[in-house]
PDB file of N, CA and C in Angstrom:
ATOM      1  N   MET A   1     -37.387 158.754  58.538  1.00  0.00           N
ATOM      2  CA  MET A   1     -38.686 158.801  59.182  1.00  0.00           C
ATOM      3  C   MET A   1     -38.727 160.024  60.080  1.00  0.00           C
ATOM      4  N   ARG A   2     -39.801 160.755  59.960  1.00  0.00           N
ATOM      5  CA  ARG A   2     -39.951 161.964  60.755  1.00  0.00           C
ATOM      6  C   ARG A   2     -40.977 161.736  61.853  1.00  0.00           C
ATOM      7  N   PHE A   3     -40.682 162.323  63.015  1.00  0.00           N
ATOM      8  CA  PHE A   3     -41.605 162.260  64.135  1.00  0.00           C
ATOM      9  C   PHE A   3     -41.814 163.685  64.605  1.00  0.00           C
ATOM     10  N   CYS A   4     -43.007 164.183  64.482  1.00  0.00           N
ATOM     11  CA  CYS A   4     -43.351 165.565  64.850  1.00  0.00           C
ATOM     12  C   CYS A   4     -42.459 166.580  64.114  1.00  0.00           C
ATOM     13  N   GLY A   5     -42.088 166.254  62.889  1.00  0.00           N
ATOM     14  CA  GLY A   5     -41.296 167.179  62.104  1.00  0.00           C
ATOM     15  C   GLY A   5     -39.815 167.163  62.416  1.00  0.00           C
ATOM     16  N   ILE A   6     -39.358 166.236  63.288  1.00  0.00           N
ATOM     17  CA  ILE A   6     -37.943 166.178  63.655  1.00  0.00           C
ATOM     18  C   ILE A   6     -37.326 164.916  63.055  1.00  0.00           C
ATOM     19  N   GLU A   7     -36.193 165.059  62.436  1.00  0.00           N
ATOM     20  CA  GLU A   7     -35.477 163.932  61.836  1.00  0.00           C
ATOM     21  C   GLU A   7     -34.690 163.217  62.945  1.00  0.00           C
ATOM     22  N   PRO A   8     -34.816 161.902  63.113  1.00  0.00           N
ATOM     23  CA  PRO A   8     -34.051 161.203  64.156  1.00  0.00           C
ATOM     24  C   PRO A   8     -32.562 161.213  63.832  1.00  0.00           C
ATOM     25  N   ARG A   9     -31.732 161.336  64.864  1.00  0.00           N
ATOM     26  CA  ARG A   9     -30.287 161.379  64.688  1.00  0.00           C
ATOM     27  C   ARG A   9     -29.705 159.994  64.437  1.00  0.00           C
ATOM     28  N   HIS A  10     -30.214 159.000  65.119  1.00  0.00           N
ATOM     29  CA  HIS A  10     -29.647 157.660  65.031  1.00  0.00           C
ATOM     30  C   HIS A  10     -30.663 156.701  64.442  1.00  0.00           C
ATOM     31  N   ARG A  11     -30.163 155.839  63.634  1.00  0.00           N
ATOM     32  CA  ARG A  11     -31.027 154.807  63.087  1.00  0.00           C
ATOM     33  C   ARG A  11     -31.041 153.628  64.039  1.00  0.00           C
ATOM     34  N   ARG A  12     -32.090 152.894  64.049  1.00  0.00           N
ATOM     35  CA  ARG A  12     -32.224 151.708  64.893  1.00  0.00           C
ATOM     36  C   ARG A  12     -31.262 150.638  64.389  1.00  0.00           C
ATOM     37  N   GLN A  13     -30.458 150.107  65.279  1.00  0.00           N
ATOM     38  CA  GLN A  13     -29.474 149.097  64.900  1.00  0.00           C
ATOM     39  C   GLN A  13     -30.046 147.707  65.173  1.00  0.00           C
ATOM     40  N   VAL A  14     -29.930 146.850  64.199  1.00  0.00           N
ATOM     41  CA  VAL A  14     -30.436 145.488  64.309  1.00  0.00           C
ATOM     42  C   VAL A  14     -29.255 144.566  64.575  1.00  0.00           C
ATOM     43  N   MET A  15     -29.433 143.621  65.527  1.00  0.00           N
ATOM     44  CA  MET A  15     -28.360 142.677  65.825  1.00  0.00           C
ATOM     45  C   MET A  15     -28.251 141.625  64.729  1.00  0.00           C
ATOM     46  N   ASN A  16     -27.013 141.293  64.402  1.00  0.00           N
ATOM     47  CA  ASN A  16     -26.814 140.232  63.425  1.00  0.00           C
ATOM     48  C   ASN A  16     -26.906 138.885  64.151  1.00  0.00           C
ATOM     49  N   PRO A  17     -27.010 137.776  63.425  1.00  0.00           N
ATOM     50  CA  PRO A  17     -27.167 136.455  64.062  1.00  0.00           C
ATOM     51  C   PRO A  17     -26.046 136.102  65.035  1.00  0.00           C
ATOM     52  N   LYS A  18     -24.816 136.517  64.740  1.00  0.00           N
ATOM     53  CA  LYS A  18     -23.695 136.217  65.640  1.00  0.00           C
ATOM     54  C   LYS A  18     -23.871 136.933  66.977  1.00  0.00           C
ATOM     55  N   GLN A  19     -24.250 138.194  66.930  1.00  0.00           N
ATOM     56  CA  GLN A  19     -24.476 138.953  68.156  1.00  0.00           C
ATOM     57  C   GLN A  19     -25.623 138.360  68.966  1.00  0.00           C
ATOM     58  N   MET A  20     -26.681 137.923  68.278  1.00  0.00           N
ATOM     59  CA  MET A  20     -27.818 137.320  68.979  1.00  0.00           C
ATOM     60  C   MET A  20     -27.405 136.006  69.650  1.00  0.00           C
ATOM     61  N   ALA A  21     -26.563 135.209  68.989  1.00  0.00           N
ATOM     62  CA  ALA A  21     -26.109 133.942  69.561  1.00  0.00           C
ATOM     63  C   ALA A  21     -25.262 134.186  70.807  1.00  0.00           C
ATOM     64  N   ILE A  22     -24.388 135.183  70.768  1.00  0.00           N
ATOM     65  CA  ILE A  22     -23.554 135.514  71.929  1.00  0.00           C
ATOM     66  C   ILE A  22     -24.427 135.979  73.088  1.00  0.00           C
ATOM     67  N   LEU A  23     -25.375 136.829  72.815  1.00  0.00           N
ATOM     68  CA  LEU A  23     -26.277 137.317  73.859  1.00  0.00           C
ATOM     69  C   LEU A  23     -27.087 136.170  74.467  1.00  0.00           C
ATOM     70  N   ALA A  24     -27.577 135.253  73.631  1.00  0.00           N
ATOM     71  CA  ALA A  24     -28.344 134.108  74.123  1.00  0.00           C
ATOM     72  C   ALA A  24     -27.474 133.200  74.991  1.00  0.00           C
ATOM     73  N   ALA A  25     -26.214 132.997  74.598  1.00  0.00           N
ATOM     74  CA  ALA A  25     -25.302 132.164  75.391  1.00  0.00           C
ATOM     75  C   ALA A  25     -25.018 132.796  76.752  1.00  0.00           C
ATOM     76  N   LEU A  26     -24.804 134.091  76.779  1.00  0.00           N
ATOM     77  CA  LEU A  26     -24.570 134.775  78.054  1.00  0.00           C
ATOM     78  C   LEU A  26     -25.790 134.699  78.959  1.00  0.00           C
ATOM     79  N   ALA A  27     -26.966 134.876  78.393  1.00  0.00           N
ATOM     80  CA  ALA A  27     -28.196 134.790  79.180  1.00  0.00           C
ATOM     81  C   ALA A  27     -28.382 133.384  79.728  1.00  0.00           C
ATOM     82  N   ALA A  28     -28.111 132.371  78.923  1.00  0.00           N
ATOM     83  CA  ALA A  28     -28.261 130.980  79.373  1.00  0.00           C
ATOM     84  C   ALA A  28     -27.269 130.660  80.476  1.00  0.00           C
ATOM     85  N   THR A  29     -26.055 131.186  80.383  1.00  0.00           N
ATOM     86  CA  THR A  29     -25.037 130.930  81.400  1.00  0.00           C
ATOM     87  C   THR A  29     -25.463 131.489  82.746  1.00  0.00           C
ATOM     88  N   THR A  30     -26.028 132.671  82.763  1.00  0.00           N
ATOM     89  CA  THR A  30     -26.436 133.252  84.041  1.00  0.00           C
ATOM     90  C   THR A  30     -27.634 132.534  84.630  1.00  0.00           C
ATOM     91  N   ILE A  31     -28.442 131.907  83.796  1.00  0.00           N
ATOM     92  CA  ILE A  31     -29.593 131.156  84.293  1.00  0.00           C
ATOM     93  C   ILE A  31     -29.168 129.783  84.785  1.00  0.00           C
ATOM     94  N   VAL A  32     -28.286 129.107  84.048  1.00  0.00           N
ATOM     95  CA  VAL A  32     -27.868 127.744  84.375  1.00  0.00           C
ATOM     96  C   VAL A  32     -26.883 127.706  85.530  1.00  0.00           C
ATOM     97  N   MET A  33     -25.962 128.672  85.612  1.00  0.00           N
ATOM     98  CA  MET A  33     -24.926 128.662  86.636  1.00  0.00           C
ATOM     99  C   MET A  33     -25.055 129.869  87.559  1.00  0.00           C
ATOM    100  N   PRO A  34     -26.028 129.851  88.472  1.00  0.00           N
ATOM    101  CA  PRO A  34     -26.166 130.990  89.378  1.00  0.00           C
ATOM    102  C   PRO A  34     -25.029 131.003  90.399  1.00  0.00           C
ATOM    103  N   VAL A  35     -24.768 132.167  90.928  1.00  0.00           N
ATOM    104  CA  VAL A  35     -23.747 132.296  91.957  1.00  0.00           C
ATOM    105  C   VAL A  35     -24.349 131.838  93.276  1.00  0.00           C
ATOM    106  N   VAL A  36     -23.688 130.883  93.917  1.00  0.00           N
ATOM    107  CA  VAL A  36     -24.167 130.347  95.179  1.00  0.00           C
ATOM    108  C   VAL A  36     -23.144 130.703  96.256  1.00  0.00           C
ATOM    109  N   PRO A  37     -23.563 131.304  97.350  1.00  0.00           N
ATOM    110  CA  PRO A  37     -22.600 131.624  98.393  1.00  0.00           C
ATOM    111  C   PRO A  37     -22.005 130.351  98.987  1.00  0.00           C
ATOM    112  N   VAL A  38     -20.707 130.403  99.243  1.00  0.00           N
ATOM    113  CA  VAL A  38     -20.006 129.245  99.791  1.00  0.00           C
ATOM    114  C   VAL A  38     -20.090 129.288 101.314  1.00  0.00           C
ATOM    115  N   GLU A  39     -20.520 128.201 101.909  1.00  0.00           N
ATOM    116  CA  GLU A  39     -20.501 128.086 103.358  1.00  0.00           C
ATOM    117  C   GLU A  39     -19.248 127.322 103.726  1.00  0.00           C
ATOM    118  N   ALA A  40     -18.558 127.763 104.748  1.00  0.00           N
ATOM    119  CA  ALA A  40     -17.314 127.121 105.131  1.00  0.00           C
ATOM    120  C   ALA A  40     -17.325 126.818 106.625  1.00  0.00           C
ATOM    121  N   ALA A  41     -16.495 125.869 107.015  1.00  0.00           N
ATOM    122  CA  ALA A  41     -16.337 125.520 108.427  1.00  0.00           C
ATOM    123  C   ALA A  41     -14.956 125.972 108.877  1.00  0.00           C
ATOM    124  N   ARG A  42     -14.865 126.480 110.093  1.00  0.00           N
ATOM    125  CA  ARG A  42     -13.585 126.980 110.627  1.00  0.00           C
ATOM    126  C   ARG A  42     -12.733 125.827 111.124  1.00  0.00           C
ATOM    127  N   ALA A  43     -11.425 125.920 110.874  1.00  0.00           N
ATOM    128  CA  ALA A  43     -10.469 124.918 111.363  1.00  0.00           C
ATOM    129  C   ALA A  43      -9.168 125.633 111.684  1.00  0.00           C
ATOM    130  N   VAL A  44      -8.294 124.941 112.401  1.00  0.00           N
ATOM    131  CA  VAL A  44      -6.979 125.474 112.741  1.00  0.00           C
ATOM    132  C   VAL A  44      -5.917 124.552 112.143  1.00  0.00           C
ATOM    133  N   VAL A  45      -4.832 125.144 111.668  1.00  0.00           N
ATOM    134  CA  VAL A  45      -3.718 124.389 111.093  1.00  0.00           C
ATOM    135  C   VAL A  45      -2.829 123.927 112.239  1.00  0.00           C
ATOM    136  N   THR A  46      -2.482 122.626 112.260  1.00  0.00           N
ATOM    137  CA  THR A  46      -1.714 122.059 113.376  1.00  0.00           C
ATOM    138  C   THR A  46      -0.212 122.054 113.146  1.00  0.00           C
ATOM    139  N   GLY A  47       0.233 122.258 111.927  1.00  0.00           N
ATOM    140  CA  GLY A  47       1.664 122.290 111.617  1.00  0.00           C
ATOM    141  C   GLY A  47       1.863 122.941 110.265  1.00  0.00           C
ATOM    142  N   SER A  48       3.082 123.366 109.974  1.00  0.00           N
ATOM    143  CA  SER A  48       3.347 123.991 108.679  1.00  0.00           C
ATOM    144  C   SER A  48       3.006 123.017 107.555  1.00  0.00           C
ATOM    145  N   VAL A  49       2.262 123.501 106.564  1.00  0.00           N
ATOM    146  CA  VAL A  49       1.787 122.641 105.485  1.00  0.00           C
ATOM    147  C   VAL A  49       1.723 123.439 104.181  1.00  0.00           C
ATOM    148  N   ASP A  50       2.065 122.766 103.081  1.00  0.00           N
ATOM    149  CA  ASP A  50       1.963 123.387 101.762  1.00  0.00           C
ATOM    150  C   ASP A  50       0.502 123.450 101.320  1.00  0.00           C
ATOM    151  N   VAL A  51       0.147 124.558 100.682  1.00  0.00           N
ATOM    152  CA  VAL A  51      -1.165 124.709 100.056  1.00  0.00           C
ATOM    153  C   VAL A  51      -0.957 124.387  98.578  1.00  0.00           C
ATOM    154  N   ARG A  52      -1.763 123.476  98.048  1.00  0.00           N
ATOM    155  CA  ARG A  52      -1.565 123.005  96.678  1.00  0.00           C
ATOM    156  C   ARG A  52      -2.733 123.388  95.781  1.00  0.00           C
ATOM    157  N   SER A  53      -2.468 123.339  94.479  1.00  0.00           N
ATOM    158  CA  SER A  53      -3.490 123.735  93.498  1.00  0.00           C
ATOM    159  C   SER A  53      -4.578 122.685  93.322  1.00  0.00           C
ATOM    160  N   GLY A  54      -4.369 121.475  93.815  1.00  0.00           N
ATOM    161  CA  GLY A  54      -5.353 120.406  93.707  1.00  0.00           C
ATOM    162  C   GLY A  54      -5.189 119.422  94.851  1.00  0.00           C
ATOM    163  N   PRO A  55      -6.114 118.477  94.984  1.00  0.00           N
ATOM    164  CA  PRO A  55      -6.076 117.525  96.104  1.00  0.00           C
ATOM    165  C   PRO A  55      -5.078 116.377  95.876  1.00  0.00           C
ATOM    166  N   GLY A  56      -3.845 116.580  96.286  1.00  0.00           N
ATOM    167  CA  GLY A  56      -2.839 115.530  96.171  1.00  0.00           C
ATOM    168  C   GLY A  56      -1.444 116.117  96.139  1.00  0.00           C
ATOM    169  N   PRO A  57      -0.441 115.293  96.492  1.00  0.00           N
ATOM    170  CA  PRO A  57       0.935 115.790  96.557  1.00  0.00           C
ATOM    171  C   PRO A  57       1.545 116.091  95.185  1.00  0.00           C
ATOM    172  N   HIS A  58       0.937 115.622  94.112  1.00  0.00           N
ATOM    173  CA  HIS A  58       1.467 115.849  92.771  1.00  0.00           C
ATOM    174  C   HIS A  58       1.072 117.214  92.203  1.00  0.00           C
ATOM    175  N   HIS A  59       0.197 117.943  92.891  1.00  0.00           N
ATOM    176  CA  HIS A  59      -0.226 119.270  92.414  1.00  0.00           C
ATOM    177  C   HIS A  59       0.781 120.334  92.850  1.00  0.00           C
ATOM    178  N   ARG A  60       0.793 121.436  92.112  1.00  0.00           N
ATOM    179  CA  ARG A  60       1.734 122.542  92.332  1.00  0.00           C
ATOM    180  C   ARG A  60       1.472 123.228  93.685  1.00  0.00           C
ATOM    181  N   VAL A  61       2.544 123.603  94.370  1.00  0.00           N
ATOM    182  CA  VAL A  61       2.451 124.343  95.629  1.00  0.00           C
ATOM    183  C   VAL A  61       2.146 125.806  95.305  1.00  0.00           C
ATOM    184  N   VAL A  62       1.072 126.345  95.924  1.00  0.00           N
ATOM    185  CA  VAL A  62       0.671 127.735  95.671  1.00  0.00           C
ATOM    186  C   VAL A  62       0.798 128.607  96.917  1.00  0.00           C
ATOM    187  N   GLY A  63       1.163 128.008  98.042  1.00  0.00           N
ATOM    188  CA  GLY A  63       1.307 128.768  99.280  1.00  0.00           C
ATOM    189  C   GLY A  63       1.709 127.861 100.423  1.00  0.00           C
ATOM    190  N   ARG A  64       1.791 128.441 101.612  1.00  0.00           N
ATOM    191  CA  ARG A  64       2.163 127.677 102.800  1.00  0.00           C
ATOM    192  C   ARG A  64       1.417 128.258 103.998  1.00  0.00           C
ATOM    193  N   LEU A  65       0.943 127.367 104.860  1.00  0.00           N
ATOM    194  CA  LEU A  65       0.266 127.787 106.093  1.00  0.00           C
ATOM    195  C   LEU A  65       1.118 127.392 107.281  1.00  0.00           C
ATOM    196  N   ARG A  66       1.044 128.187 108.338  1.00  0.00           N
ATOM    197  CA  ARG A  66       1.809 127.919 109.560  1.00  0.00           C
ATOM    198  C   ARG A  66       0.901 127.381 110.661  1.00  0.00           C
ATOM    199  N   ALA A  67       1.498 126.663 111.579  1.00  0.00           N
ATOM    200  CA  ALA A  67       0.754 126.127 112.728  1.00  0.00           C
ATOM    201  C   ALA A  67       0.041 127.259 113.459  1.00  0.00           C
ATOM    202  N   GLY A  68      -1.210 127.008 113.836  1.00  0.00           N
ATOM    203  CA  GLY A  68      -1.994 127.995 114.574  1.00  0.00           C
ATOM    204  C   GLY A  68      -2.870 128.884 113.707  1.00  0.00           C
ATOM    205  N   GLU A  69      -2.622 128.918 112.413  1.00  0.00           N
ATOM    206  CA  GLU A  69      -3.459 129.746 111.533  1.00  0.00           C
ATOM    207  C   GLU A  69      -4.860 129.172 111.442  1.00  0.00           C
ATOM    208  N   ARG A  70      -5.834 130.052 111.364  1.00  0.00           N
ATOM    209  CA  ARG A  70      -7.229 129.622 111.198  1.00  0.00           C
ATOM    210  C   ARG A  70      -7.600 129.748 109.732  1.00  0.00           C
ATOM    211  N   VAL A  71      -8.335 128.746 109.257  1.00  0.00           N
ATOM    212  CA  VAL A  71      -8.740 128.702 107.855  1.00  0.00           C
ATOM    213  C   VAL A  71     -10.218 128.347 107.767  1.00  0.00           C
ATOM    214  N   ASN A  72     -10.794 128.601 106.616  1.00  0.00           N
ATOM    215  CA  ASN A  72     -12.146 128.144 106.303  1.00  0.00           C
ATOM    216  C   ASN A  72     -12.016 126.918 105.421  1.00  0.00           C
ATOM    217  N   VAL A  73     -12.613 125.812 105.837  1.00  0.00           N
ATOM    218  CA  VAL A  73     -12.627 124.594 105.031  1.00  0.00           C
ATOM    219  C   VAL A  73     -13.913 124.625 104.217  1.00  0.00           C
ATOM    220  N   THR A  74     -13.780 124.675 102.882  1.00  0.00           N
ATOM    221  CA  THR A  74     -14.963 124.789 102.029  1.00  0.00           C
ATOM    222  C   THR A  74     -15.480 123.430 101.573  1.00  0.00           C
ATOM    223  N   ARG A  75     -14.569 122.449 101.422  1.00  0.00           N
ATOM    224  CA  ARG A  75     -14.967 121.097 101.016  1.00  0.00           C
ATOM    225  C   ARG A  75     -13.765 120.181 101.144  1.00  0.00           C
ATOM    226  N   CYS A  76     -14.031 118.879 101.142  1.00  0.00           N
ATOM    227  CA  CYS A  76     -12.959 117.883 101.192  1.00  0.00           C
ATOM    228  C   CYS A  76     -13.159 116.871 100.073  1.00  0.00           C
ATOM    229  N   ALA A  77     -12.056 116.310  99.615  1.00  0.00           N
ATOM    230  CA  ALA A  77     -12.119 115.270  98.587  1.00  0.00           C
ATOM    231  C   ALA A  77     -12.843 114.058  99.161  1.00  0.00           C
ATOM    232  N   SER A  78     -13.354 113.208  98.288  1.00  0.00           N
ATOM    233  CA  SER A  78     -14.113 112.034  98.738  1.00  0.00           C
ATOM    234  C   SER A  78     -13.274 111.113  99.624  1.00  0.00           C
ATOM    235  N   SER A  79     -11.950 111.140  99.468  1.00  0.00           N
ATOM    236  CA  SER A  79     -11.065 110.323 100.312  1.00  0.00           C
ATOM    237  C   SER A  79     -10.974 110.878 101.731  1.00  0.00           C
ATOM    238  N   ARG A  80     -11.400 112.126 101.911  1.00  0.00           N
ATOM    239  CA  ARG A  80     -11.320 112.858 103.182  1.00  0.00           C
ATOM    240  C   ARG A  80      -9.880 113.094 103.630  1.00  0.00           C
ATOM    241  N   ARG A  81      -8.934 112.953 102.732  1.00  0.00           N
ATOM    242  CA  ARG A  81      -7.511 113.155 103.046  1.00  0.00           C
ATOM    243  C   ARG A  81      -7.009 114.531 102.607  1.00  0.00           C
ATOM    244  N   TRP A  82      -7.756 115.207 101.739  1.00  0.00           N
ATOM    245  CA  TRP A  82      -7.378 116.531 101.251  1.00  0.00           C
ATOM    246  C   TRP A  82      -8.592 117.444 101.330  1.00  0.00           C
ATOM    247  N   CYS A  83      -8.379 118.664 101.859  1.00  0.00           N
ATOM    248  CA  CYS A  83      -9.473 119.631 101.989  1.00  0.00           C
ATOM    249  C   CYS A  83      -9.093 120.955 101.339  1.00  0.00           C
ATOM    250  N   HIS A  84     -10.091 121.584 100.738  1.00  0.00           N
ATOM    251  CA  HIS A  84      -9.908 122.907 100.137  1.00  0.00           C
ATOM    252  C   HIS A  84     -10.098 123.946 101.237  1.00  0.00           C
ATOM    253  N   VAL A  85      -9.131 124.857 101.364  1.00  0.00           N
ATOM    254  CA  VAL A  85      -9.187 125.859 102.429  1.00  0.00           C
ATOM    255  C   VAL A  85      -9.041 127.263 101.865  1.00  0.00           C
ATOM    256  N   GLN A  86      -9.563 128.215 102.620  1.00  0.00           N
ATOM    257  CA  GLN A  86      -9.403 129.634 102.337  1.00  0.00           C
ATOM    258  C   GLN A  86      -8.686 130.249 103.523  1.00  0.00           C
ATOM    259  N   SER A  87      -7.674 131.054 103.223  1.00  0.00           N
ATOM    260  CA  SER A  87      -6.887 131.700 104.264  1.00  0.00           C
ATOM    261  C   SER A  87      -6.769 133.180 103.946  1.00  0.00           C
ATOM    262  N   ARG A  88      -6.617 133.992 104.961  1.00  0.00           N
ATOM    263  CA  ARG A  88      -6.433 135.428 104.739  1.00  0.00           C
ATOM    264  C   ARG A  88      -5.028 135.734 104.231  1.00  0.00           C
ATOM    265  N   ARG A  89      -4.058 134.868 104.553  1.00  0.00           N
ATOM    266  CA  ARG A  89      -2.659 135.156 104.273  1.00  0.00           C
ATOM    267  C   ARG A  89      -2.136 134.589 102.958  1.00  0.00           C
ATOM    268  N   THR A  90      -2.728 133.542 102.452  1.00  0.00           N
ATOM    269  CA  THR A  90      -2.213 132.912 101.235  1.00  0.00           C
ATOM    270  C   THR A  90      -3.360 132.577 100.281  1.00  0.00           C
ATOM    271  N   ARG A  91      -3.017 132.106  99.104  1.00  0.00           N
ATOM    272  CA  ARG A  91      -4.038 131.739  98.119  1.00  0.00           C
ATOM    273  C   ARG A  91      -4.892 130.583  98.615  1.00  0.00           C
ATOM    274  N   ASP A  92      -6.127 130.514  98.119  1.00  0.00           N
ATOM    275  CA  ASP A  92      -6.981 129.366  98.402  1.00  0.00           C
ATOM    276  C   ASP A  92      -6.372 128.141  97.740  1.00  0.00           C
ATOM    277  N   GLY A  93      -6.542 126.986  98.367  1.00  0.00           N
ATOM    278  CA  GLY A  93      -6.016 125.766  97.777  1.00  0.00           C
ATOM    279  C   GLY A  93      -6.286 124.566  98.669  1.00  0.00           C
ATOM    280  N   TRP A  94      -5.592 123.481  98.380  1.00  0.00           N
ATOM    281  CA  TRP A  94      -5.815 122.201  99.039  1.00  0.00           C
ATOM    282  C   TRP A  94      -4.680 121.874  99.995  1.00  0.00           C
ATOM    283  N   VAL A  95      -5.039 121.345 101.183  1.00  0.00           N
ATOM    284  CA  VAL A  95      -4.033 120.908 102.155  1.00  0.00           C
ATOM    285  C   VAL A  95      -4.343 119.483 102.594  1.00  0.00           C
ATOM    286  N   ASN A  96      -3.308 118.796 103.035  1.00  0.00           N
ATOM    287  CA  ASN A  96      -3.485 117.462 103.593  1.00  0.00           C
ATOM    288  C   ASN A  96      -4.264 117.619 104.893  1.00  0.00           C
ATOM    289  N   SER A  97      -5.348 116.874 105.021  1.00  0.00           N
ATOM    290  CA  SER A  97      -6.246 117.056 106.168  1.00  0.00           C
ATOM    291  C   SER A  97      -5.615 116.666 107.501  1.00  0.00           C
ATOM    292  N   ARG A  98      -4.494 115.937 107.488  1.00  0.00           N
ATOM    293  CA  ARG A  98      -3.810 115.602 108.756  1.00  0.00           C
ATOM    294  C   ARG A  98      -3.337 116.843 109.483  1.00  0.00           C
ATOM    295  N   PHE A  99      -3.239 117.960 108.756  1.00  0.00           N
ATOM    296  CA  PHE A  99      -2.754 119.204 109.348  1.00  0.00           C
ATOM    297  C   PHE A  99      -3.888 120.135 109.762  1.00  0.00           C
ATOM    298  N   LEU A 100      -5.108 119.609 109.836  1.00  0.00           N
ATOM    299  CA  LEU A 100      -6.260 120.415 110.242  1.00  0.00           C
ATOM    300  C   LEU A 100      -6.893 119.846 111.495  1.00  0.00           C
ATOM    301  N   ASP A 101      -7.443 120.725 112.309  1.00  0.00           N
ATOM    302  CA  ASP A 101      -8.160 120.304 113.510  1.00  0.00           C
ATOM    303  C   ASP A 101      -9.278 121.294 113.772  1.00  0.00           C
ATOM    304  N   ARG A 102     -10.199 120.878 114.616  1.00  0.00           N
ATOM    305  CA  ARG A 102     -11.309 121.742 115.011  1.00  0.00           C
ATOM    306  C   ARG A 102     -10.743 122.913 115.823  1.00  0.00           C
ATOM    307  N   VAL A 103     -11.334 124.080 115.654  1.00  0.00           N
ATOM    308  CA  VAL A 103     -10.937 125.250 116.433  1.00  0.00           C
ATOM    309  C   VAL A 103     -11.306 124.986 117.885  1.00  0.00           C
ATOM    310  N   ARG A 104     -10.379 125.230 118.809  1.00  0.00           N
ATOM    311  CA  ARG A 104     -10.631 124.976 120.229  1.00  0.00           C
ATOM    312  C   ARG A 104     -11.893 125.702 120.670  1.00  0.00           C
ATOM    313  N   GLY A 105     -12.810 124.944 121.267  1.00  0.00           N
ATOM    314  CA  GLY A 105     -14.091 125.509 121.694  1.00  0.00           C
ATOM    315  C   GLY A 105     -15.128 125.534 120.585  1.00  0.00           C
ATOM    316  N   GLY A 106     -14.760 125.022 119.387  1.00  0.00           N
ATOM    317  CA  GLY A 106     -15.704 124.992 118.264  1.00  0.00           C
ATOM    318  C   GLY A 106     -16.726 123.888 118.444  1.00  0.00           C
ATOM    319  N   PRO A 107     -17.763 123.883 117.641  1.00  0.00           N
ATOM    320  CA  PRO A 107     -18.824 122.879 117.767  1.00  0.00           C
ATOM    321  C   PRO A 107     -18.309 121.479 117.474  1.00  0.00           C
ATOM    322  N   LYS A 108     -18.827 120.480 118.205  1.00  0.00           N
ATOM    323  CA  LYS A 108     -18.441 119.089 117.996  1.00  0.00           C
ATOM    324  C   LYS A 108     -19.615 118.304 117.454  1.00  0.00           C
ATOM    325  N   ARG A 109     -20.311 118.873 116.489  1.00  0.00           N
ATOM    326  CA  ARG A 109     -21.486 118.220 115.939  1.00  0.00           C
ATOM    327  C   ARG A 109     -21.117 117.364 114.735  1.00  0.00           C
ATOM    328  N   SER A 110     -21.973 116.422 114.446  1.00  0.00           N
ATOM    329  CA  SER A 110     -21.752 115.585 113.266  1.00  0.00           C
ATOM    330  C   SER A 110     -22.323 116.287 112.048  1.00  0.00           C
ATOM    331  N   GLY A 111     -21.952 115.823 110.877  1.00  0.00           N
ATOM    332  CA  GLY A 111     -22.435 116.438 109.647  1.00  0.00           C
ATOM    333  C   GLY A 111     -21.492 117.526 109.199  1.00  0.00           C
ATOM    334  N   GLY A 112     -21.913 118.313 108.245  1.00  0.00           N
ATOM    335  CA  GLY A 112     -21.061 119.367 107.723  1.00  0.00           C
ATOM    336  C   GLY A 112     -19.940 118.786 106.894  1.00  0.00           C
ATOM    337  N   ILE A 113     -18.714 119.235 107.150  1.00  0.00           N
ATOM    338  CA  ILE A 113     -17.533 118.779 106.420  1.00  0.00           C
ATOM    339  C   ILE A 113     -16.760 117.813 107.302  1.00  0.00           C
ATOM    340  N   CYS A 114     -16.543 116.587 106.816  1.00  0.00           N
ATOM    341  CA  CYS A 114     -15.816 115.572 107.591  1.00  0.00           C
ATOM    342  C   CYS A 114     -14.521 115.197 106.884  1.00  0.00           C
ATOM    343  N   PHE A 115     -13.470 114.933 107.681  1.00  0.00           N
ATOM    344  CA  PHE A 115     -12.177 114.542 107.131  1.00  0.00           C
ATOM    345  C   PHE A 115     -11.372 113.821 108.197  1.00  0.00           C
ATOM    346  N   PHE A 116     -10.266 113.210 107.780  1.00  0.00           N
ATOM    347  CA  PHE A 116      -9.342 112.561 108.712  1.00  0.00           C
ATOM    348  C   PHE A 116      -8.317 113.607 109.110  1.00  0.00           C
ATOM    349  N   GLY A 117      -8.465 114.143 110.289  1.00  0.00           N
ATOM    350  CA  GLY A 117      -7.625 115.253 110.736  1.00  0.00           C
ATOM    351  C   GLY A 117      -6.498 114.828 111.640  1.00  0.00           C
ATOM    352  N   ALA A 118      -5.968 115.789 112.351  1.00  0.00           N
ATOM    353  CA  ALA A 118      -4.830 115.578 113.226  1.00  0.00           C
ATOM    354  C   ALA A 118      -5.126 114.575 114.341  1.00  0.00           C
ATOM    355  N   ARG A 119      -6.389 114.490 114.777  1.00  0.00           N
ATOM    356  CA  ARG A 119      -6.769 113.572 115.870  1.00  0.00           C
ATOM    357  C   ARG A 119      -7.860 112.610 115.431  1.00  0.00           C
ATOM    358  N   GLY A 120      -7.729 112.030 114.249  1.00  0.00           N
ATOM    359  CA  GLY A 120      -8.740 111.094 113.757  1.00  0.00           C
ATOM    360  C   GLY A 120      -9.808 111.787 112.953  1.00  0.00           C
ATOM    361  N   GLN A 121     -10.968 111.134 112.799  1.00  0.00           N
ATOM    362  CA  GLN A 121     -12.034 111.713 111.992  1.00  0.00           C
ATOM    363  C   GLN A 121     -12.635 112.921 112.694  1.00  0.00           C
ATOM    364  N   ILE A 122     -12.787 113.993 111.936  1.00  0.00           N
ATOM    365  CA  ILE A 122     -13.323 115.243 112.462  1.00  0.00           C
ATOM    366  C   ILE A 122     -14.452 115.696 111.547  1.00  0.00           C
ATOM    367  N   CYS A 123     -15.554 116.115 112.142  1.00  0.00           N
ATOM    368  CA  CYS A 123     -16.664 116.698 111.385  1.00  0.00           C
ATOM    369  C   CYS A 123     -16.875 118.110 111.888  1.00  0.00           C
ATOM    370  N   LEU A 124     -16.852 119.055 110.963  1.00  0.00           N
ATOM    371  CA  LEU A 124     -17.062 120.453 111.312  1.00  0.00           C
ATOM    372  C   LEU A 124     -18.417 120.883 110.810  1.00  0.00           C
ATOM    373  N   GLY A 125     -19.225 121.452 111.687  1.00  0.00           N
ATOM    374  CA  GLY A 125     -20.538 121.949 111.277  1.00  0.00           C
ATOM    375  C   GLY A 125     -20.385 123.208 110.457  1.00  0.00           C
ATOM    376  N   ARG A 126     -21.338 123.459 109.567  1.00  0.00           N
ATOM    377  CA  ARG A 126     -21.309 124.682 108.755  1.00  0.00           C
ATOM    378  C   ARG A 126     -22.142 125.736 109.390  1.00  0.00           C
TER     379      ARG A 126
END
């Protein structure tokens, strides 16, 4: 096909059904699973504790936190005995909530993330 007397260099490429299916799946994934920013509550570690890959002592140890370290608590298991934490020094993972406490001078409001911590039930605002 000529346009203004010039022969095009490239022919128009048509997607085959497999390519169209992959593209449709990728588009659906970005629509169905949007990226949501994680809100976390600050806490302090009260004693040395293993960071685990899941909520429970049977999960693999992926790191260790020391007393006094500050972490972000992103969520807790329904039992409120294990919480998922983010730390600057080690991998993200789960710790036994008995080793967590509110940051001194932090908010003492209800709601947010609640767990059974070093001094009984603790709720950290987000």
